[in-house]
Amino acid sequence: MKIQFLGAARVVTGSCFLLTTSSYKILIDCGLFQGSNSLEKLNYEEFQFNPAEIDFLILSHAHIDHSGRIPKLVKEGFEGQIICTQATSDLCELMLVDSGHIQEADAKWENKKRNRAGKPLVEPLYTAKDATASLRYFKPVLYNQKIHINDEVSVRFKDAGHILGSSIVELWIMEKGKWVKLVFSGDLGLPNKPIIKDPEFIEEADYLIVESTYGNREHENIEDRVNDLTNIINTTVTRGGTVIIPSFAVGRTQELIYELNKYYEYNNDIETFMRIPIYIDSPMAVSATKIFQNNSYCFNEEAKKLILKGDNPFEFANLHYISSQEESMRLNSYTFPKVIISASGMCNAGRIRHHLKYNLWKKSNSLVFVGYQAEGTLGRRLKDGEKNVKILGDQIAVEAEVHSIEGFSGHTDRRGLINWIKGFNKIPKHIFIVHGEDESSLGLAEAIKDNFSINPIIPNMNTVYELDTDLIEDSTFDLVETIKLRDNIKSELQQVYDQFEGLVTKTEKMIDEETLKKDYNLLKNNLIDLQKKLMDLNILISE
C-alpha cells in the first residue's frame, strides 16, 4: 500500500492524498490551492493520477482548500462516490457552485487582459455547471457510523471540531491478509469553541496523518477572545469608527455571530448607543448560516440549550444580513459606527476588498483578523504590517488600527495537537505531518519527538511512501538541521551587513583608502559566499 502527498505538503492549502492498495485507488480530499500566484497555478496542472481510475473519494470537510478541485476531478473522469458527513455535503452544495462562479469570473477578467494583449484566451478551471454536476456523486453519512465500503475498505468519521461537519477520518484497509488502520486528522479545531463540539479522540492507528497549521506555537488568551473583540469594537465606536472583520463565510462568521449574540442579548449594561449595527455582508455566509440552522444536531450542548429555550443564536436586534450588491455598496456611504463582517477571510477575493478600499485609510477605523492568513494573500501582508497596499487598482494607505485575535482560529495549536495525539491508547508507529508551513510543521515534529520518541515525517509535495513496511525513509530531521543551518547563515549574513555599515562610518572618519579597499573586498567576498550558501540551502529545503 502506498500513499502519495499531492497537496497540503509543507503548505496550508490544496489538501489531497492518494492511497493506492493492491485493489483500489482512494483519494482523501481534493482541495484548491490558495494563496500566492505560484500556488494557485498548481490548480491548473494535470492531476498526478487518472481521475477515472479513482474508486472513491473521502472528504474531511467542506472548506475549499479541501474540496475545491472536486468539480475538476469529476470533469476529468471521476465517477466514484464522494463520502462525507451530511453537513459537509450540504455545505459543498453551496461552496462548490460558488467556487464555479468565481472560476468563471476570474477567467473572464483574465481574458479581457489577454484580448487586449493579443494572447490566447483561457478556460475556467471549472464552471458552476461543472460544480453542480459533481454534487450527484456525494454520499452523505452520519458521524460515528462505520461504513463498509466493500470487503477490503471501511471508513468512519469522527467530529474534528473545526467547522460544521468537519471530520477526522478513520480508514481500515485489508492489505496482504491483514487490516491496516490509517487516521487523517483533517483540520482539528480548538476545544470549547462556540456552536460545534470539541474534537473527538481516536483510540489507535497504524499510521497517522496530522495537520500542523499552528504546530509551532500556542494561541494566546483564548479565553479572552470575545472580550478582546468587543473591546476593539467599543473602542472604535467611541472614536466614531468602523470595524472591518475579514471572515471565512463558513464556520468563522457563524461563530462570530454566535458570540456577538450572547454579548448583546445577555449584557444589560451595554448603553443603547453602543449597540451598533453588525452587518454580515456575504451572500455565502447568509446561505451557510441557514445550513448551520438545518444541521443543529451537530451543535454542542450550550448551543442546543440556547435553541431549546427559544433563542436563535444567529439572530439579534442589531444584526443585519446583507445579500444584494447594492446594499453592500451602500454600507461604505454610511458614516455612523458599525461592524462589517465580510468574506473572504484572507482578503483575496469577494466584497471584503471593497470594504478595505473604503476604510483602511481612515485612522478612526479598525481591521480585525480572526483567522489564518496564508502566505501571499492580502490578509497576510496587512497582518504583517504592510503600510501601503494595492486594492482593486488603487494604492491604499493603511492608517486603520490592525488587530489579530488568534483565539477565534479554527485550528488548534501545538499544545492541542500534542494533547490530541496523547489521546491515542496506542501511539501510531508512523506519523506524517501535513497542512503547515515549514516552521509550523518542524515545530510540531520536534514536539512529537520530545513527547513520544517518534521521528515524524514531513512529506514534500508529490512524495510517495510505501506503508506496508516498518522502514519508511525519514528525512524530517535532516530538514530540521538544514533549516537551523540556514538560520545561522542568515545571522552571519546580518553581521556582514552590520560590518558594511561600520565601513561607511569609517569612510566618514577618513580612514586611508588602502584600509578601506582591504576591508571592502574581504566583506564583499564574505557576503557573496554567504549568499551562495543561503541560496543552496533554500534550494535543498524546497526539493
Protein backbone atom coordinates (compact mmCIF):
# COMPACT_ATOMS: atom_id res chain seq x y z
CA MET A 1 0.00 0.00 0.00
CA LYS A 2 1.31 3.44 -0.96
CA ILE A 3 0.42 6.99 -0.02
CA GLN A 4 1.25 9.99 -2.18
CA PHE A 5 1.07 13.54 -0.82
CA LEU A 6 -0.40 15.63 -3.63
CA GLY A 7 -1.27 18.75 -1.64
CA ALA A 8 -1.05 20.34 1.82
CA ALA A 9 2.57 19.13 1.90
CA ARG A 10 4.61 21.88 3.56
CA VAL A 11 1.86 24.34 2.65
CA VAL A 12 -1.52 25.07 4.25
CA THR A 13 -3.63 24.52 1.16
CA GLY A 14 -4.57 22.07 -1.60
CA SER A 15 -5.23 19.10 0.68
CA CYS A 16 -5.07 15.90 -1.40
CA PHE A 17 -3.68 12.43 -0.61
CA LEU A 18 -3.75 9.34 -2.81
CA LEU A 19 -3.84 5.85 -1.29
CA THR A 20 -3.05 3.01 -3.66
CA THR A 21 -3.74 -0.53 -2.46
CA SER A 22 -3.44 -3.82 -4.31
CA SER A 23 -7.09 -3.41 -5.35
CA TYR A 24 -8.16 0.23 -5.06
CA LYS A 25 -7.20 3.86 -5.52
CA ILE A 26 -8.63 6.06 -2.78
CA LEU A 27 -8.44 9.85 -2.68
CA ILE A 28 -8.58 11.75 0.62
CA ASP A 29 -9.71 15.34 -0.04
CA CYS A 30 -9.28 17.19 -3.33
CA GLY A 31 -8.70 20.80 -2.35
CA LEU A 32 -7.94 24.00 -4.18
CA PHE A 33 -4.52 25.62 -3.81
CA GLN A 34 -4.92 29.15 -2.47
CA GLY A 35 -2.52 31.97 -1.68
CA SER A 36 0.41 33.05 -3.84
CA ASN A 37 0.29 33.04 -7.65
CA SER A 38 2.75 30.13 -7.75
CA LEU A 39 0.49 28.05 -5.53
CA GLU A 40 -2.70 28.89 -7.42
CA LYS A 41 -1.04 27.88 -10.71
CA LEU A 42 -0.91 24.33 -9.32
CA ASN A 43 -4.71 24.12 -9.71
CA TYR A 44 -4.28 24.15 -13.50
CA GLU A 45 -1.71 21.36 -13.61
CA GLU A 46 -2.86 17.87 -14.55
CA PHE A 47 -3.62 15.51 -11.70
CA GLN A 48 -0.81 13.09 -10.86
CA PHE A 49 -3.29 10.27 -11.50
CA ASN A 50 -6.10 9.38 -13.87
CA PRO A 51 -9.33 10.68 -12.24
CA ALA A 52 -11.30 7.89 -13.94
CA GLU A 53 -9.22 5.30 -12.03
CA ILE A 54 -10.08 6.69 -8.56
CA ASP A 55 -12.54 4.29 -6.93
CA PHE A 56 -13.87 6.72 -4.33
CA LEU A 57 -13.04 9.96 -2.57
CA ILE A 58 -13.25 10.55 1.18
CA LEU A 59 -13.81 14.21 2.09
CA SER A 60 -12.86 15.52 5.53
CA HIS A 61 -14.80 18.79 5.34
CA ALA A 62 -16.21 21.45 3.03
CA HIS A 63 -13.58 24.18 3.11
CA ILE A 64 -12.41 24.94 -0.42
CA ASP A 65 -8.76 24.08 0.32
CA HIS A 66 -10.06 20.54 0.96
CA SER A 67 -12.94 20.26 -1.55
CA GLY A 68 -12.34 22.89 -4.22
CA ARG A 69 -10.96 20.71 -7.04
CA ILE A 70 -13.75 18.12 -6.87
CA PRO A 71 -15.58 19.64 -9.90
CA LYS A 72 -12.32 19.46 -11.87
CA LEU A 73 -11.89 15.84 -10.76
CA VAL A 74 -15.40 14.93 -11.98
CA LYS A 75 -15.00 16.96 -15.17
CA GLU A 76 -11.90 14.88 -15.98
CA GLY A 77 -13.47 11.47 -15.47
CA PHE A 78 -14.08 10.63 -11.81
CA GLU A 79 -17.35 8.70 -11.31
CA GLY A 80 -16.94 7.18 -7.84
CA GLN A 81 -18.66 8.03 -4.59
CA ILE A 82 -17.68 11.10 -2.54
CA ILE A 83 -18.15 10.00 1.07
CA CYS A 84 -18.52 12.67 3.76
CA THR A 85 -20.83 13.81 6.56
CA GLN A 86 -24.29 15.19 5.83
CA ALA A 87 -23.33 18.73 6.89
CA THR A 88 -20.25 18.64 4.64
CA SER A 89 -22.40 17.55 1.71
CA ASP A 90 -24.87 20.39 2.39
CA LEU A 91 -22.10 22.98 2.62
CA CYS A 92 -20.37 21.72 -0.53
CA GLU A 93 -23.60 22.20 -2.47
CA LEU A 94 -23.26 25.88 -1.65
CA MET A 95 -19.50 26.33 -1.73
CA LEU A 96 -18.56 24.41 -4.88
CA VAL A 97 -21.17 26.15 -7.03
CA ASP A 98 -19.98 29.49 -5.67
CA SER A 99 -16.40 28.48 -6.45
CA GLY A 100 -17.50 27.66 -10.01
CA HIS A 101 -18.90 31.18 -10.40
CA ILE A 102 -15.58 32.58 -9.11
CA GLN A 103 -13.60 30.45 -11.60
CA GLU A 104 -15.76 31.76 -14.44
CA ALA A 105 -15.41 35.38 -13.28
CA ASP A 106 -11.62 35.03 -12.92
CA ALA A 107 -11.32 33.58 -16.43
CA LYS A 108 -13.49 36.37 -17.85
CA TRP A 109 -11.32 39.02 -16.18
CA GLU A 110 -8.11 37.35 -17.40
CA ASN A 111 -9.45 37.07 -20.94
CA LYS A 112 -10.18 40.79 -21.08
CA LYS A 113 -6.48 41.44 -20.49
CA ARG A 114 -5.46 38.70 -22.91
CA ASN A 115 -7.73 40.11 -25.63
CA ARG A 116 -6.06 43.50 -25.35
CA ALA A 117 -2.61 41.91 -25.43
CA GLY A 118 -3.40 39.57 -28.33
CA LYS A 119 -2.77 36.49 -26.20
CA PRO A 120 -4.73 33.20 -26.41
CA LEU A 121 -7.78 33.00 -24.15
CA VAL A 122 -8.04 30.73 -21.10
CA GLU A 123 -10.80 28.43 -19.90
CA PRO A 124 -12.04 28.50 -16.28
CA LEU A 125 -10.75 25.73 -14.07
CA TYR A 126 -14.41 24.62 -13.96
CA THR A 127 -17.82 26.26 -14.16
CA ALA A 128 -20.81 26.48 -11.84
CA LYS A 129 -22.43 23.88 -14.10
CA ASP A 130 -19.45 21.55 -13.59
CA ALA A 131 -19.75 22.05 -9.84
CA THR A 132 -23.46 21.22 -9.90
CA ALA A 133 -22.71 18.07 -11.92
CA SER A 134 -20.22 16.92 -9.26
CA LEU A 135 -22.84 17.02 -6.50
CA ARG A 136 -24.58 13.84 -7.68
CA TYR A 137 -21.57 11.78 -6.58
CA PHE A 138 -21.83 12.84 -2.92
CA LYS A 139 -22.87 10.12 -0.47
CA PRO A 140 -23.51 11.68 2.98
CA VAL A 141 -23.23 9.60 6.13
CA LEU A 142 -23.53 10.29 9.88
CA TYR A 143 -20.77 10.70 12.41
CA ASN A 144 -19.57 7.51 14.15
CA GLN A 145 -21.11 5.13 11.61
CA LYS A 146 -18.58 2.54 10.50
CA ILE A 147 -19.28 2.30 6.77
CA HIS A 148 -18.19 -0.89 4.98
CA ILE A 149 -17.47 0.38 1.51
CA ASN A 150 -16.53 -3.11 0.37
CA ASP A 151 -14.90 -6.24 1.80
CA GLU A 152 -11.50 -4.54 1.95
CA VAL A 153 -12.23 -0.92 2.95
CA SER A 154 -14.18 0.62 5.85
CA VAL A 155 -14.40 4.23 6.97
CA ARG A 156 -15.72 6.15 9.97
CA PHE A 157 -15.99 9.89 10.58
CA LYS A 158 -15.31 11.45 13.98
CA ASP A 159 -16.02 15.10 14.78
CA ALA A 160 -12.91 17.24 14.20
CA GLY A 161 -14.40 20.35 15.86
CA HIS A 162 -13.18 22.59 13.04
CA ILE A 163 -16.36 23.63 11.19
CA LEU A 164 -19.84 22.17 10.87
CA GLY A 165 -19.48 18.63 9.53
CA SER A 166 -15.67 18.56 9.76
CA SER A 167 -14.21 15.12 10.31
CA ILE A 168 -11.33 13.05 11.49
CA VAL A 169 -11.20 10.12 9.06
CA GLU A 170 -10.61 6.58 10.32
CA LEU A 171 -9.83 4.26 7.44
CA TRP A 172 -9.44 0.46 7.65
CA ILE A 173 -7.87 -1.29 4.67
CA MET A 174 -7.34 -5.03 4.17
CA GLU A 175 -3.87 -5.47 2.69
CA LYS A 176 -1.96 -8.73 2.35
CA GLY A 177 -4.44 -10.56 4.53
CA LYS A 178 -4.41 -8.14 7.48
CA TRP A 179 -6.22 -4.95 8.45
CA VAL A 180 -4.22 -1.71 8.43
CA LYS A 181 -5.69 1.41 10.02
CA LEU A 182 -4.92 4.94 8.85
CA VAL A 183 -6.18 8.10 10.53
CA PHE A 184 -6.36 11.50 8.85
CA SER A 185 -6.82 14.26 11.40
CA GLY A 186 -8.39 16.63 8.89
CA ASP A 187 -8.33 20.14 10.34
CA LEU A 188 -8.57 19.93 14.12
CA GLY A 189 -10.41 22.68 15.98
CA LEU A 190 -9.83 24.26 19.35
CA PRO A 191 -11.72 22.84 22.34
CA ASN A 192 -14.54 24.92 23.85
CA LYS A 193 -15.38 26.62 20.58
CA PRO A 194 -18.83 28.11 20.07
CA ILE A 195 -21.56 26.10 18.34
CA ILE A 196 -19.66 22.93 17.43
CA LYS A 197 -18.35 20.07 19.54
CA ASP A 198 -14.77 19.51 20.68
CA PRO A 199 -12.51 17.32 18.53
CA GLU A 200 -13.04 13.64 19.32
CA PHE A 201 -10.20 11.37 20.36
CA ILE A 202 -9.09 8.27 18.46
CA GLU A 203 -8.09 5.06 20.18
CA GLU A 204 -5.49 3.66 17.81
CA ALA A 205 -3.94 3.78 14.35
CA ASP A 206 -1.07 2.23 12.49
CA TYR A 207 -0.44 5.43 10.51
CA LEU A 208 -1.43 8.99 11.38
CA ILE A 209 -1.55 11.96 9.00
CA VAL A 210 -1.89 15.08 11.16
CA GLU A 211 -2.31 18.76 10.35
CA SER A 212 0.15 21.37 11.67
CA THR A 213 -1.27 24.80 10.80
CA TYR A 214 -0.24 26.19 14.19
CA GLY A 215 2.17 23.39 15.10
CA ASN A 216 4.97 25.69 16.21
CA ARG A 217 3.05 27.98 18.59
CA GLU A 218 0.29 28.25 21.11
CA HIS A 219 -2.70 30.56 20.86
CA GLU A 220 -2.67 33.34 23.42
CA ASN A 221 -5.60 34.44 25.53
CA ILE A 222 -8.12 32.01 24.04
CA GLU A 223 -10.47 32.61 26.95
CA ASP A 224 -10.28 36.38 26.34
CA ARG A 225 -11.12 36.26 22.63
CA VAL A 226 -14.66 37.65 23.00
CA ASN A 227 -13.52 40.35 25.42
CA ASP A 228 -10.69 41.28 23.07
CA LEU A 229 -13.11 41.58 20.15
CA THR A 230 -15.78 43.56 21.99
CA ASN A 231 -13.14 45.87 23.49
CA ILE A 232 -11.85 46.63 19.98
CA ILE A 233 -15.41 47.24 18.78
CA ASN A 234 -16.27 49.53 21.70
CA THR A 235 -13.00 51.50 21.46
CA THR A 236 -13.52 52.00 17.73
CA VAL A 237 -17.16 53.02 18.26
CA THR A 238 -16.12 55.61 20.86
CA ARG A 239 -13.92 57.36 18.31
CA GLY A 240 -16.64 57.15 15.65
CA GLY A 241 -15.00 54.45 13.55
CA THR A 242 -15.96 51.29 11.69
CA VAL A 243 -14.66 47.78 12.43
CA ILE A 244 -13.88 45.61 9.40
CA ILE A 245 -13.59 41.86 10.02
CA PRO A 246 -12.49 39.62 7.12
CA SER A 247 -14.06 36.28 7.94
CA PHE A 248 -14.48 32.91 6.29
CA ALA A 249 -18.11 32.67 5.22
CA VAL A 250 -18.43 29.12 6.51
CA GLY A 251 -17.58 28.48 10.15
CA ARG A 252 -15.85 31.60 11.40
CA THR A 253 -18.68 34.00 10.53
CA GLN A 254 -21.26 31.83 12.31
CA GLU A 255 -19.01 31.64 15.40
CA LEU A 256 -18.70 35.43 15.47
CA ILE A 257 -22.48 35.84 15.15
CA TYR A 258 -23.00 33.34 17.97
CA GLU A 259 -20.57 35.13 20.32
CA LEU A 260 -21.91 38.60 19.48
CA ASN A 261 -25.45 37.32 20.04
CA LYS A 262 -24.51 36.29 23.59
CA TYR A 263 -22.73 39.62 24.20
CA TYR A 264 -25.57 41.87 23.05
CA GLU A 265 -28.54 39.71 24.12
CA TYR A 266 -27.38 38.91 27.66
CA ASN A 267 -25.47 42.05 28.64
CA ASN A 268 -27.81 44.57 30.21
CA ASP A 269 -25.01 47.01 30.98
CA ILE A 270 -24.46 48.00 27.34
CA GLU A 271 -25.66 51.53 26.58
CA THR A 272 -28.09 51.82 23.69
CA PHE A 273 -25.70 53.92 21.59
CA MET A 274 -23.05 51.14 21.92
CA ARG A 275 -25.36 48.55 20.36
CA ILE A 276 -24.13 49.46 16.91
CA PRO A 277 -25.28 47.68 13.74
CA ILE A 278 -23.45 44.45 12.87
CA TYR A 279 -23.58 43.74 9.13
CA ILE A 280 -22.94 40.28 7.69
CA ASP A 281 -22.04 41.20 4.12
CA SER A 282 -21.62 37.89 2.33
CA PRO A 283 -24.33 36.05 0.39
CA MET A 284 -22.50 32.80 1.04
CA ALA A 285 -22.34 33.47 4.78
CA VAL A 286 -26.09 34.14 4.79
CA SER A 287 -26.77 30.83 3.00
CA ALA A 288 -24.23 28.96 5.13
CA THR A 289 -25.92 30.21 8.29
CA LYS A 290 -29.17 28.64 7.11
CA ILE A 291 -27.32 25.35 6.60
CA PHE A 292 -25.98 25.61 10.16
CA GLN A 293 -29.54 26.02 11.41
CA ASN A 294 -30.65 22.95 9.43
CA ASN A 295 -27.86 20.84 10.95
CA SER A 296 -28.31 21.83 14.59
CA TYR A 297 -27.92 18.16 15.64
CA CYS A 298 -24.16 18.76 15.17
CA PHE A 299 -24.14 21.57 17.75
CA ASN A 300 -22.57 21.38 21.18
CA GLU A 301 -24.71 21.27 24.34
CA GLU A 302 -24.56 25.01 25.02
CA ALA A 303 -25.84 25.89 21.55
CA LYS A 304 -28.59 23.27 21.79
CA LYS A 305 -29.75 24.68 25.14
CA LEU A 306 -29.97 28.20 23.68
CA ILE A 307 -32.15 26.93 20.85
CA LEU A 308 -34.36 24.87 23.18
CA LYS A 309 -35.13 27.91 25.31
CA GLY A 310 -36.18 29.86 22.23
CA ASP A 311 -33.06 31.89 21.44
CA ASN A 312 -32.00 31.69 17.81
CA PRO A 313 -28.22 32.21 18.21
CA PHE A 314 -27.97 33.55 14.65
CA GLU A 315 -30.36 36.46 15.17
CA PHE A 316 -30.33 39.50 17.47
CA ALA A 317 -31.69 43.04 17.30
CA ASN A 318 -28.63 44.85 15.89
CA LEU A 319 -27.61 42.09 13.44
CA HIS A 320 -28.31 42.65 9.75
CA TYR A 321 -27.72 40.25 6.86
CA ILE A 322 -26.73 41.84 3.54
CA SER A 323 -27.34 39.96 0.30
CA SER A 324 -27.59 42.36 -2.64
CA GLN A 325 -24.62 44.14 -4.17
CA GLU A 326 -26.49 47.45 -3.92
CA GLU A 327 -26.91 47.07 -0.15
CA SER A 328 -23.23 46.13 0.17
CA MET A 329 -22.13 49.24 -1.73
CA ARG A 330 -24.32 51.48 0.44
CA LEU A 331 -22.53 50.31 3.59
CA ASN A 332 -19.46 52.35 2.67
CA SER A 333 -21.51 55.54 2.38
CA TYR A 334 -22.78 55.23 5.97
CA THR A 335 -20.81 57.49 8.32
CA PHE A 336 -22.07 56.06 11.63
CA PRO A 337 -20.06 53.47 13.62
CA LYS A 338 -20.66 49.87 12.58
CA VAL A 339 -19.12 46.43 12.24
CA ILE A 340 -18.82 44.86 8.78
CA ILE A 341 -18.09 41.11 8.70
CA SER A 342 -17.36 40.04 5.14
CA ALA A 343 -15.66 37.34 3.08
CA SER A 344 -13.14 36.32 2.00
CA GLY A 345 -11.32 35.57 5.21
CA MET A 346 -7.86 36.14 3.70
CA CYS A 347 -8.92 39.25 1.72
CA ASN A 348 -8.00 37.65 -1.61
CA ALA A 349 -11.47 37.95 -3.19
CA GLY A 350 -15.05 38.97 -2.53
CA ARG A 351 -16.71 42.02 -1.03
CA ILE A 352 -14.15 42.45 1.75
CA ARG A 353 -11.76 44.07 -0.74
CA HIS A 354 -14.24 46.88 -1.40
CA HIS A 355 -14.69 47.49 2.32
CA LEU A 356 -10.91 47.57 2.81
CA LYS A 357 -10.53 50.02 -0.06
CA TYR A 358 -13.01 52.44 1.52
CA ASN A 359 -11.97 52.02 5.15
CA LEU A 360 -8.27 51.15 5.54
CA TRP A 361 -7.05 54.72 5.07
CA LYS A 362 -9.14 56.15 7.93
CA LYS A 363 -7.39 56.36 11.31
CA SER A 364 -10.65 56.04 13.24
CA ASN A 365 -11.30 52.54 11.84
CA SER A 366 -10.09 49.10 12.90
CA LEU A 367 -9.26 45.94 10.93
CA VAL A 368 -9.54 42.70 12.91
CA PHE A 369 -8.19 39.35 11.70
CA VAL A 370 -9.83 36.32 13.30
CA GLY A 371 -8.38 33.53 11.16
CA TYR A 372 -5.32 32.14 9.41
CA GLN A 373 -3.73 34.31 6.71
CA ALA A 374 -1.81 32.27 4.13
CA GLU A 375 1.45 33.42 2.59
CA GLY A 376 0.97 35.57 -0.50
CA THR A 377 -2.51 36.83 0.44
CA LEU A 378 -3.50 40.44 1.00
CA GLY A 379 -4.58 39.49 4.51
CA ARG A 380 -1.11 38.15 5.36
CA ARG A 381 0.54 41.34 4.08
CA LEU A 382 -1.78 43.53 6.15
CA LYS A 383 -1.34 41.36 9.23
CA ASP A 384 2.46 41.55 8.81
CA GLY A 385 2.28 45.35 8.88
CA GLU A 386 2.42 46.49 5.25
CA LYS A 387 1.59 50.21 5.21
CA ASN A 388 0.56 50.67 1.59
CA VAL A 389 -1.34 48.10 -0.46
CA LYS A 390 -2.93 47.93 -3.89
CA ILE A 391 -6.63 47.06 -3.79
CA LEU A 392 -8.85 46.92 -6.89
CA GLY A 393 -6.35 49.00 -8.88
CA ASP A 394 -5.77 51.73 -6.26
CA GLN A 395 -2.92 52.28 -3.81
CA ILE A 396 -4.37 52.47 -0.30
CA ALA A 397 -2.53 53.77 2.78
CA VAL A 398 -3.05 51.59 5.85
CA GLU A 399 -4.00 54.05 8.60
CA ALA A 400 -6.61 51.94 10.41
CA GLU A 401 -5.58 50.01 13.52
CA VAL A 402 -4.79 46.38 12.63
CA HIS A 403 -5.54 43.67 15.20
CA SER A 404 -5.27 39.87 15.19
CA ILE A 405 -7.20 37.63 17.59
CA GLU A 406 -5.89 34.06 17.26
CA GLY A 407 -8.35 32.78 19.84
CA PHE A 408 -11.00 32.62 17.10
CA SER A 409 -8.85 30.34 14.98
CA GLY A 410 -10.49 27.27 13.52
CA HIS A 411 -7.26 25.31 14.09
CA THR A 412 -5.88 24.06 17.37
CA ASP A 413 -2.31 24.92 18.36
CA ARG A 414 0.78 22.88 19.27
CA ARG A 415 -0.49 22.10 22.76
CA GLY A 416 -3.86 20.99 21.38
CA LEU A 417 -2.25 18.79 18.72
CA ILE A 418 0.03 17.08 21.25
CA ASN A 419 -2.86 16.54 23.68
CA TRP A 420 -4.94 15.06 20.87
CA ILE A 421 -2.17 12.61 19.94
CA LYS A 422 -1.84 11.70 23.64
CA GLY A 423 -5.47 10.59 23.44
CA PHE A 424 -4.44 7.51 21.43
CA ASN A 425 -4.36 4.38 23.59
CA LYS A 426 -1.65 3.14 21.26
CA ILE A 427 0.56 5.73 19.58
CA PRO A 428 0.79 5.21 15.78
CA LYS A 429 4.04 3.70 14.59
CA HIS A 430 4.42 6.36 11.87
CA ILE A 431 3.22 9.95 11.87
CA PHE A 432 3.13 12.19 8.79
CA ILE A 433 2.86 15.94 9.31
CA VAL A 434 0.93 17.95 6.71
CA HIS A 435 -1.06 21.18 6.27
CA GLY A 436 1.59 23.54 7.63
CA GLU A 437 4.31 25.92 6.50
CA ASP A 438 7.87 24.78 7.20
CA GLU A 439 8.27 26.40 10.61
CA SER A 440 4.90 25.12 11.84
CA SER A 441 5.49 21.57 10.64
CA LEU A 442 9.00 21.49 12.07
CA GLY A 443 7.80 22.86 15.40
CA LEU A 444 5.23 20.08 15.66
CA ALA A 445 7.78 17.48 14.54
CA GLU A 446 10.12 18.43 17.36
CA ALA A 447 7.25 18.42 19.89
CA ILE A 448 6.18 14.93 18.75
CA LYS A 449 9.74 13.68 19.02
CA ASP A 450 10.08 15.12 22.54
CA ASN A 451 6.73 13.72 23.75
CA PHE A 452 6.55 10.33 22.03
CA SER A 453 10.14 9.47 20.97
CA ILE A 454 8.95 9.16 17.37
CA ASN A 455 10.64 10.75 14.38
CA PRO A 456 7.67 12.04 12.36
CA ILE A 457 7.87 12.63 8.64
CA ILE A 458 7.21 15.93 6.85
CA PRO A 459 6.50 14.91 3.25
CA ASN A 460 7.43 17.01 0.26
CA MET A 461 4.86 17.64 -2.45
CA ASN A 462 4.19 14.55 -4.62
CA THR A 463 6.34 12.27 -2.44
CA VAL A 464 5.27 8.59 -2.37
CA TYR A 465 5.71 6.36 0.69
CA GLU A 466 5.36 2.58 0.89
CA LEU A 467 3.29 1.90 4.01
CA ASP A 468 3.43 -1.86 4.39
CA THR A 469 6.98 -1.71 5.73
CA ASP A 470 8.47 -0.50 9.00
CA LEU A 471 11.38 1.10 7.15
CA ILE A 472 9.84 4.35 5.91
CA GLU A 473 12.54 6.76 4.83
CA ASP A 474 12.60 9.76 7.15
CA SER A 475 14.35 12.95 6.09
CA THR A 476 12.46 15.19 8.51
CA PHE A 477 15.21 15.80 11.00
CA ASP A 478 17.81 16.30 8.29
CA LEU A 479 15.47 19.06 7.22
CA VAL A 480 15.34 20.39 10.81
CA GLU A 481 19.14 20.65 10.90
CA THR A 482 19.24 22.19 7.41
CA ILE A 483 16.79 24.91 8.38
CA LYS A 484 18.74 25.60 11.57
CA LEU A 485 21.87 25.93 9.44
CA ARG A 486 20.02 28.32 7.13
CA ASP A 487 19.01 30.46 10.11
CA ASN A 488 22.62 30.54 11.34
CA ILE A 489 23.79 31.70 7.93
CA LYS A 490 21.11 34.38 7.93
CA SER A 491 22.51 35.58 11.25
CA GLU A 492 26.03 35.64 9.83
CA LEU A 493 24.72 37.48 6.80
CA GLN A 494 23.26 40.15 9.06
CA GLN A 495 26.64 40.51 10.76
CA VAL A 496 28.26 41.12 7.38
CA TYR A 497 25.70 43.81 6.62
CA ASP A 498 26.40 45.38 10.03
CA GLN A 499 30.11 45.40 9.22
CA PHE A 500 29.36 47.16 5.95
CA GLU A 501 27.58 49.86 7.93
CA GLY A 502 30.68 50.13 10.08
CA LEU A 503 32.74 50.55 6.94
CA VAL A 504 30.58 53.51 5.95
CA THR A 505 31.28 55.05 9.37
CA LYS A 506 34.99 54.53 8.78
CA THR A 507 34.70 56.35 5.46
CA GLU A 508 33.16 59.31 7.23
CA LYS A 509 36.20 59.36 9.56
CA MET A 510 38.56 59.50 6.54
CA ILE A 511 40.37 56.18 7.05
CA ASP A 512 43.07 55.71 4.39
CA GLU A 513 41.97 54.29 1.05
CA GLU A 514 44.06 51.09 1.18
CA THR A 515 42.49 50.01 4.51
CA LEU A 516 39.03 50.68 3.15
CA LYS A 517 39.71 48.71 -0.01
CA LYS A 518 41.03 45.74 2.00
CA ASP A 519 38.03 45.77 4.36
CA TYR A 520 35.62 46.21 1.48
CA ASN A 521 36.97 43.30 -0.58
CA LEU A 522 37.06 40.99 2.45
CA LEU A 523 33.50 41.81 3.42
CA LYS A 524 32.26 41.61 -0.16
CA ASN A 525 33.75 38.12 -0.56
CA ASN A 526 32.16 37.02 2.73
CA LEU A 527 28.82 38.38 1.60
CA ILE A 528 28.94 36.60 -1.77
CA ASP A 529 29.93 33.34 -0.07
CA LEU A 530 27.13 33.56 2.48
CA GLN A 531 24.55 34.48 -0.15
CA LYS A 532 25.56 31.44 -2.22
CA LYS A 533 25.27 29.14 0.83
CA LEU A 534 21.87 30.57 1.64
CA MET A 535 20.61 30.05 -1.92
CA ASP A 536 21.94 26.47 -1.97
CA LEU A 537 20.17 25.70 1.32
CA ASN A 538 16.88 27.21 0.17
CA ILE A 539 17.05 25.03 -2.97
CA LEU A 540 17.83 21.96 -0.82
CA ILE A 541 14.91 22.69 1.51
CA SER A 542 12.48 23.13 -1.40
CA GLU A 543 13.43 19.83 -3.04
